[in-house]
């Protein structure tokens, strides 16, 4: 009995491949077309999103440059203010000493 099953199973497998192979190829082609249509429909939206992202990156770069510039300006003006205060204090101390020496 087992010897008779081997040719029957082989025949049924061969018939199944012959019958289902064209069906699966057609099903694959239909699924691929549906996927292509879906991607084509999403494509303009994705392009728009990519364009908006590029614009946002450009704006962020410009803002970063402006913040860096403002920080440098604030830093340099605070240094200048410190130097000015130091110079005024030194000049003020020197003048006070002369005033004291003149009174003595």
C-alpha atoms as a PDB file:
ATOM      1  CA  UNK A   1       0.000   0.000   0.000  1.00  0.00           C
ATOM      2  CA  UNK A   2       2.708   2.609   0.841  1.00  0.00           C
ATOM      3  CA  UNK A   3       4.377   1.968  -2.467  1.00  0.00           C
ATOM      4  CA  UNK A   4       1.155   2.892  -4.287  1.00  0.00           C
ATOM      5  CA  UNK A   5       0.808   6.208  -2.387  1.00  0.00           C
ATOM      6  CA  UNK A   6       4.114   7.610  -3.606  1.00  0.00           C
ATOM      7  CA  UNK A   7       3.082   7.953  -7.286  1.00  0.00           C
ATOM      8  CA  UNK A   8      -0.357   9.263  -6.293  1.00  0.00           C
ATOM      9  CA  UNK A   9       1.147  11.968  -4.033  1.00  0.00           C
ATOM     10  CA  UNK A  10       3.685  12.874  -6.734  1.00  0.00           C
ATOM     11  CA  UNK A  11       0.948  13.180  -9.342  1.00  0.00           C
ATOM     12  CA  UNK A  12      -1.243  15.324  -7.057  1.00  0.00           C
ATOM     13  CA  UNK A  13       1.711  17.597  -6.188  1.00  0.00           C
ATOM     14  CA  UNK A  14       2.600  18.035  -9.846  1.00  0.00           C
ATOM     15  CA  UNK A  15      -1.049  18.813 -10.705  1.00  0.00           C
ATOM     16  CA  UNK A  16      -1.286  21.307  -7.828  1.00  0.00           C
ATOM     17  CA  UNK A  17       1.819  23.147  -9.045  1.00  0.00           C
ATOM     18  CA  UNK A  18       0.502  23.260 -12.609  1.00  0.00           C
ATOM     19  CA  UNK A  19      -2.882  24.570 -11.475  1.00  0.00           C
ATOM     20  CA  UNK A  20      -1.866  27.007  -8.717  1.00  0.00           C
ATOM     21  CA  UNK A  21       1.325  28.475 -10.250  1.00  0.00           C
ATOM     22  CA  UNK A  22      -0.500  30.654 -12.835  1.00  0.00           C
ATOM     23  CA  UNK A  23      -3.028  31.696 -10.174  1.00  0.00           C
ATOM     24  CA  UNK A  24      -0.346  32.753  -7.719  1.00  0.00           C
ATOM     25  CA  UNK A  25       1.552  34.630 -10.450  1.00  0.00           C
ATOM     26  CA  UNK A  26      -1.612  36.531 -11.361  1.00  0.00           C
ATOM     27  CA  UNK A  27      -2.375  37.232  -7.700  1.00  0.00           C
ATOM     28  CA  UNK A  28       1.181  38.554  -7.218  1.00  0.00           C
ATOM     29  CA  UNK A  29       0.822  40.835 -10.250  1.00  0.00           C
ATOM     30  CA  UNK A  30      -2.501  42.199  -8.965  1.00  0.00           C
ATOM     31  CA  UNK A  31      -1.033  42.855  -5.515  1.00  0.00           C
ATOM     32  CA  UNK A  32       1.996  44.567  -7.057  1.00  0.00           C
ATOM     33  CA  UNK A  33      -0.246  46.830  -9.173  1.00  0.00           C
ATOM     34  CA  UNK A  34      -2.290  47.761  -6.128  1.00  0.00           C
ATOM     35  CA  UNK A  35       0.891  48.600  -4.229  1.00  0.00           C
ATOM     36  CA  UNK A  36       2.145  50.748  -7.131  1.00  0.00           C
ATOM     37  CA  UNK A  37      -1.157  52.640  -7.278  1.00  0.00           C
ATOM     38  CA  UNK A  38      -1.041  53.228  -3.555  1.00  0.00           C
ATOM     39  CA  UNK A  39       2.524  54.515  -3.733  1.00  0.00           C
ATOM     40  CA  UNK A  40       1.640  56.760  -6.693  1.00  0.00           C
ATOM     41  CA  UNK A  41      -1.263  58.224  -4.723  1.00  0.00           C
ATOM     42  CA  UNK A  42       0.969  58.858  -1.702  1.00  0.00           C
ATOM     43  CA  UNK A  43       3.855  60.205  -3.738  1.00  0.00           C
ATOM     44  CA  UNK A  44       2.674  63.847  -4.084  1.00  0.00           C
ATOM     45  CA  UNK A  45       1.916  63.952  -0.373  1.00  0.00           C
ATOM     46  CA  UNK A  46       5.330  62.579   0.473  1.00  0.00           C
ATOM     47  CA  UNK A  47       6.992  65.054  -1.873  1.00  0.00           C
ATOM     48  CA  UNK A  48       5.108  67.894  -0.186  1.00  0.00           C
ATOM     49  CA  UNK A  49       6.143  66.657   3.257  1.00  0.00           C
ATOM     50  CA  UNK A  50       9.772  66.409   2.131  1.00  0.00           C
ATOM     51  CA  UNK A  51       9.598  69.940   0.724  1.00  0.00           C
ATOM     52  CA  UNK A  52       8.138  71.283   3.972  1.00  0.00           C
ATOM     53  CA  UNK A  53      10.824  69.498   5.981  1.00  0.00           C
ATOM     54  CA  UNK A  54      13.542  71.094   3.840  1.00  0.00           C
ATOM     55  CA  UNK A  55      11.989  74.517   4.419  1.00  0.00           C
ATOM     56  CA  UNK A  56      11.889  73.899   8.168  1.00  0.00           C
ATOM     57  CA  UNK A  57      15.527  72.811   8.193  1.00  0.00           C
ATOM     58  CA  UNK A  58      16.502  75.993   6.318  1.00  0.00           C
ATOM     59  CA  UNK A  59      14.561  78.144   8.771  1.00  0.00           C
ATOM     60  CA  UNK A  60      16.141  76.367  11.742  1.00  0.00           C
ATOM     61  CA  UNK A  61      19.614  76.923  10.264  1.00  0.00           C
ATOM     62  CA  UNK A  62      18.920  80.639   9.849  1.00  0.00           C
ATOM     63  CA  UNK A  63      17.560  80.892  13.387  1.00  0.00           C
ATOM     64  CA  UNK A  64      20.618  79.107  14.732  1.00  0.00           C
ATOM     65  CA  UNK A  65      22.892  81.581  12.951  1.00  0.00           C
ATOM     66  CA  UNK A  66      20.912  84.508  14.373  1.00  0.00           C
ATOM     67  CA  UNK A  67      21.094  83.134  17.909  1.00  0.00           C
ATOM     68  CA  UNK A  68      24.847  82.586  17.569  1.00  0.00           C
ATOM     69  CA  UNK A  69      25.266  86.146  16.322  1.00  0.00           C
ATOM     70  CA  UNK A  70      23.169  87.550  19.166  1.00  0.00           C
ATOM     71  CA  UNK A  71      25.166  85.552  21.733  1.00  0.00           C
ATOM     72  CA  UNK A  72      28.456  86.833  20.305  1.00  0.00           C
ATOM     73  CA  UNK A  73      27.169  90.413  20.379  1.00  0.00           C
ATOM     74  CA  UNK A  74      25.997  90.083  23.965  1.00  0.00           C
ATOM     75  CA  UNK A  75      29.284  88.520  24.985  1.00  0.00           C
ATOM     76  CA  UNK A  76      31.361  91.223  23.310  1.00  0.00           C
ATOM     77  CA  UNK A  77      29.226  94.035  24.733  1.00  0.00           C
ATOM     78  CA  UNK A  78      29.491  92.579  28.247  1.00  0.00           C
ATOM     79  CA  UNK A  79      33.291  92.369  27.841  1.00  0.00           C
ATOM     80  CA  UNK A  80      33.380  95.968  26.623  1.00  0.00           C
ATOM     81  CA  UNK A  81      31.224  97.029  29.568  1.00  0.00           C
ATOM     82  CA  UNK A  82      33.561  95.251  32.007  1.00  0.00           C
ATOM     83  CA  UNK A  83      36.585  96.883  30.400  1.00  0.00           C
ATOM     84  CA  UNK A  84      34.902 100.273  30.556  1.00  0.00           C
ATOM     85  CA  UNK A  85      33.977  99.815  34.224  1.00  0.00           C
ATOM     86  CA  UNK A  86      37.512  98.693  35.013  1.00  0.00           C
ATOM     87  CA  UNK A  87      38.936 101.730  33.242  1.00  0.00           C
ATOM     88  CA  UNK A  88      36.508 104.075  35.009  1.00  0.00           C
ATOM     89  CA  UNK A  89      37.282 102.529  38.383  1.00  0.00           C
ATOM     90  CA  UNK A  90      41.007 102.813  37.801  1.00  0.00           C
ATOM     91  CA  UNK A  91      40.659 106.403  36.657  1.00  0.00           C
ATOM     92  CA  UNK A  92      38.431 107.142  39.612  1.00  0.00           C
ATOM     93  CA  UNK A  93      40.890 105.602  42.086  1.00  0.00           C
ATOM     94  CA  UNK A  94      43.810 107.482  40.555  1.00  0.00           C
ATOM     95  CA  UNK A  95      41.909 110.746  40.762  1.00  0.00           C
ATOM     96  CA  UNK A  96      40.941 110.097  44.398  1.00  0.00           C
ATOM     97  CA  UNK A  97      44.581 109.479  45.329  1.00  0.00           C
ATOM     98  CA  UNK A  98      45.653 112.729  43.629  1.00  0.00           C
ATOM     99  CA  UNK A  99      42.910 114.573  45.422  1.00  0.00           C
ATOM    100  CA  UNK A 100      44.056 113.151  48.773  1.00  0.00           C
ATOM    101  CA  UNK A 101      47.697 113.955  48.057  1.00  0.00           C
ATOM    102  CA  UNK A 102      46.766 117.510  47.071  1.00  0.00           C
ATOM    103  CA  UNK A 103      44.874 118.016  50.340  1.00  0.00           C
ATOM    104  CA  UNK A 104      47.730 116.767  52.498  1.00  0.00           C
END
